[in-house]
Amino acid sequence: MIAQIRKISQSHFLYILFFNSLILCTVILWGIINYLLNNNSSDENFMAKYSFGWKIVLGTILAPFIETLINQWLVFKILRRYTTNINLIIFISALLFGLSHWYSVGYIFFTFIIGIFLMQAFIFWSGKDLSKYMMTVIIHMIHNTIMLILSLFIK
């Protein structure tokens, strides 16, 4: 029994680590591109009006549940009725995810890439003890938490 729990926990950890590593690479790439272009996106001003506590509630808890529900779960449920083309489903989901983060063109592109990773996590997760929805929410929460922490140090 304990061996099974360790095996399940280890597979969850590796899965979350893999997708967050991919996301972290895009974060680094985004930072480099943003630095080279000296582009200050307006997403900083959007979240600046909220206290740190509200940023935690909205950005790291509430947003992942709502965005995963709309941009992964709902898109998947609707599109699977009309197509079996997984790449098309991933693209449409990522596009909607990116467009829902309309703070700047650069940020739309950045979140489009994140949307690809989140939809891939949603589609390819096959764990039995955590649903596709909850695994994607957890990955999204970890990503948003990392981004919130980084925003404290990078201005």
Protein backbone atom coordinates (compact mmCIF):
# COMPACT_ATOMS: atom_id res chain seq x y z
CA MET A 1 0.00 0.00 0.00
CA ILE A 2 2.73 2.50 0.97
CA ALA A 3 4.73 1.51 -2.13
CA GLN A 4 1.67 2.27 -4.29
CA ILE A 5 1.24 5.69 -2.64
CA ARG A 6 4.93 6.49 -3.19
CA LYS A 7 4.68 5.37 -6.82
CA ILE A 8 1.59 7.55 -7.40
CA SER A 9 3.11 10.52 -5.60
CA GLN A 10 6.36 10.18 -7.53
CA SER A 11 4.58 10.01 -10.88
CA HIS A 12 2.52 13.12 -10.00
CA PHE A 13 5.62 14.96 -8.93
CA LEU A 14 7.52 14.07 -12.11
CA TYR A 15 4.57 15.00 -14.30
CA ILE A 16 4.12 18.38 -12.61
CA LEU A 17 7.88 18.97 -12.65
CA PHE A 18 8.09 18.20 -16.38
CA PHE A 19 5.31 20.58 -17.41
CA ASN A 20 6.45 23.34 -15.09
CA SER A 21 9.99 22.98 -16.45
CA LEU A 22 8.64 23.53 -19.95
CA ILE A 23 6.67 26.53 -18.74
CA LEU A 24 9.72 27.90 -16.89
CA CYS A 25 11.71 27.73 -20.13
CA THR A 26 9.09 29.89 -21.83
CA VAL A 27 9.17 32.30 -18.89
CA ILE A 28 12.92 32.68 -19.30
CA LEU A 29 12.55 33.08 -23.07
CA TRP A 30 9.80 35.69 -22.51
CA GLY A 31 12.06 37.59 -20.12
CA ILE A 32 14.94 37.60 -22.60
CA ILE A 33 12.74 38.74 -25.49
CA ASN A 34 11.08 41.37 -23.31
CA TYR A 35 14.49 42.63 -22.17
CA LEU A 36 15.93 42.73 -25.69
CA LEU A 37 12.92 44.59 -27.03
CA ASN A 38 12.74 46.78 -23.91
CA ASN A 39 9.01 46.11 -23.97
CA ASN A 40 7.05 46.97 -20.83
CA SER A 41 3.76 45.14 -21.11
CA SER A 42 0.73 46.61 -19.45
CA ASP A 43 0.03 43.42 -17.46
CA GLU A 44 2.12 44.91 -14.64
CA ASN A 45 -0.30 47.84 -14.37
CA PHE A 46 -3.28 45.48 -14.51
CA MET A 47 -2.22 43.57 -11.39
CA ALA A 48 -0.62 46.58 -9.66
CA LYS A 49 -3.98 47.76 -8.38
CA TYR A 50 -4.40 44.63 -6.23
CA SER A 51 -2.80 43.96 -2.87
CA PHE A 52 -0.43 41.01 -2.55
CA GLY A 53 -3.15 39.03 -0.76
CA TRP A 54 -5.60 39.58 -3.61
CA LYS A 55 -2.92 38.64 -6.13
CA ILE A 56 -2.56 35.32 -4.32
CA VAL A 57 -6.32 34.71 -4.22
CA LEU A 58 -7.04 35.85 -7.78
CA GLY A 59 -3.88 34.79 -9.59
CA THR A 60 -2.76 31.62 -7.90
CA ILE A 61 -6.03 30.12 -6.65
CA LEU A 62 -9.12 31.41 -8.46
CA ALA A 63 -7.73 32.03 -11.98
CA PRO A 64 -6.32 28.52 -12.47
CA PHE A 65 -9.69 26.92 -11.63
CA ILE A 66 -11.70 29.24 -13.89
CA GLU A 67 -9.21 29.37 -16.77
CA THR A 68 -8.73 25.59 -16.77
CA LEU A 69 -12.48 25.09 -16.74
CA ILE A 70 -12.99 27.40 -19.73
CA ASN A 71 -9.80 27.06 -21.78
CA GLN A 72 -9.02 23.37 -21.34
CA TRP A 73 -11.97 21.36 -20.01
CA LEU A 74 -14.78 23.14 -21.89
CA VAL A 75 -12.81 23.54 -25.12
CA PHE A 76 -11.84 19.86 -25.02
CA LYS A 77 -15.41 18.71 -24.32
CA ILE A 78 -16.85 20.80 -27.16
CA LEU A 79 -14.16 20.20 -29.79
CA ARG A 80 -13.94 16.43 -29.20
CA ARG A 81 -17.51 16.23 -30.55
CA TYR A 82 -16.40 17.67 -33.89
CA THR A 83 -12.80 16.55 -34.40
CA THR A 84 -10.30 13.91 -33.39
CA ASN A 85 -7.40 16.15 -34.40
CA ILE A 86 -5.58 16.65 -31.10
CA ASN A 87 -3.23 19.28 -32.58
CA LEU A 88 -6.20 21.40 -33.68
CA ILE A 89 -7.76 21.12 -30.22
CA ILE A 90 -4.46 22.12 -28.58
CA PHE A 91 -4.06 25.08 -30.97
CA ILE A 92 -7.60 26.41 -30.44
CA SER A 93 -7.35 26.00 -26.68
CA ALA A 94 -3.97 27.76 -26.57
CA LEU A 95 -5.24 30.54 -28.82
CA LEU A 96 -8.23 31.17 -26.56
CA PHE A 97 -6.00 31.02 -23.50
CA GLY A 98 -3.60 33.53 -25.06
CA LEU A 99 -6.37 35.88 -26.17
CA SER A 100 -7.88 35.83 -22.69
CA HIS A 101 -4.60 37.41 -21.49
CA TRP A 102 -4.87 40.47 -23.73
CA TYR A 103 -2.58 42.80 -21.77
CA SER A 104 -0.14 43.15 -24.70
CA VAL A 105 0.68 41.37 -27.95
CA GLY A 106 3.80 39.91 -26.38
CA TYR A 107 1.85 38.63 -23.40
CA ILE A 108 -0.76 37.06 -25.68
CA PHE A 109 2.05 35.18 -27.44
CA PHE A 110 3.63 34.17 -24.12
CA THR A 111 0.34 32.86 -22.71
CA PHE A 112 -0.40 31.11 -26.03
CA ILE A 113 2.75 29.03 -25.44
CA ILE A 114 1.71 28.38 -21.83
CA GLY A 115 -1.74 27.40 -23.15
CA ILE A 116 -0.12 24.76 -25.39
CA PHE A 117 1.60 23.19 -22.39
CA LEU A 118 -1.53 23.31 -20.23
CA MET A 119 -3.71 21.70 -22.90
CA GLN A 120 -1.09 19.01 -23.51
CA ALA A 121 -1.05 18.31 -19.78
CA PHE A 122 -4.85 18.14 -19.80
CA ILE A 123 -5.05 15.78 -22.78
CA PHE A 124 -2.19 13.45 -21.96
CA TRP A 125 -2.66 13.05 -18.20
CA SER A 126 -3.82 9.52 -17.52
CA GLY A 127 -3.65 9.35 -13.73
CA LYS A 128 -6.54 7.68 -12.00
CA ASP A 129 -6.41 9.41 -8.64
CA LEU A 130 -6.34 12.96 -10.01
CA SER A 131 -8.57 14.07 -12.84
CA LYS A 132 -7.24 15.77 -15.96
CA TYR A 133 -8.90 18.95 -14.74
CA MET A 134 -7.29 18.92 -11.28
CA MET A 135 -3.82 18.03 -12.61
CA THR A 136 -3.99 20.95 -15.04
CA VAL A 137 -5.21 23.27 -12.28
CA ILE A 138 -2.28 22.23 -10.07
CA ILE A 139 0.25 22.85 -12.86
CA HIS A 140 -1.39 26.22 -13.58
CA MET A 141 -1.35 27.15 -9.86
CA ILE A 142 2.34 26.30 -9.54
CA HIS A 143 3.16 28.34 -12.65
CA ASN A 144 1.17 31.37 -11.42
CA THR A 145 2.76 31.10 -7.97
CA ILE A 146 6.25 31.07 -9.51
CA MET A 147 5.34 34.08 -11.65
CA LEU A 148 3.98 35.94 -8.60
CA ILE A 149 7.14 35.25 -6.62
CA LEU A 150 9.32 36.33 -9.56
CA SER A 151 7.32 39.54 -9.88
CA LEU A 152 8.45 40.47 -6.37
CA PHE A 153 12.08 40.45 -7.46
CA ILE A 154 11.87 41.53 -11.09
CA LYS A 155 10.43 44.93 -11.81
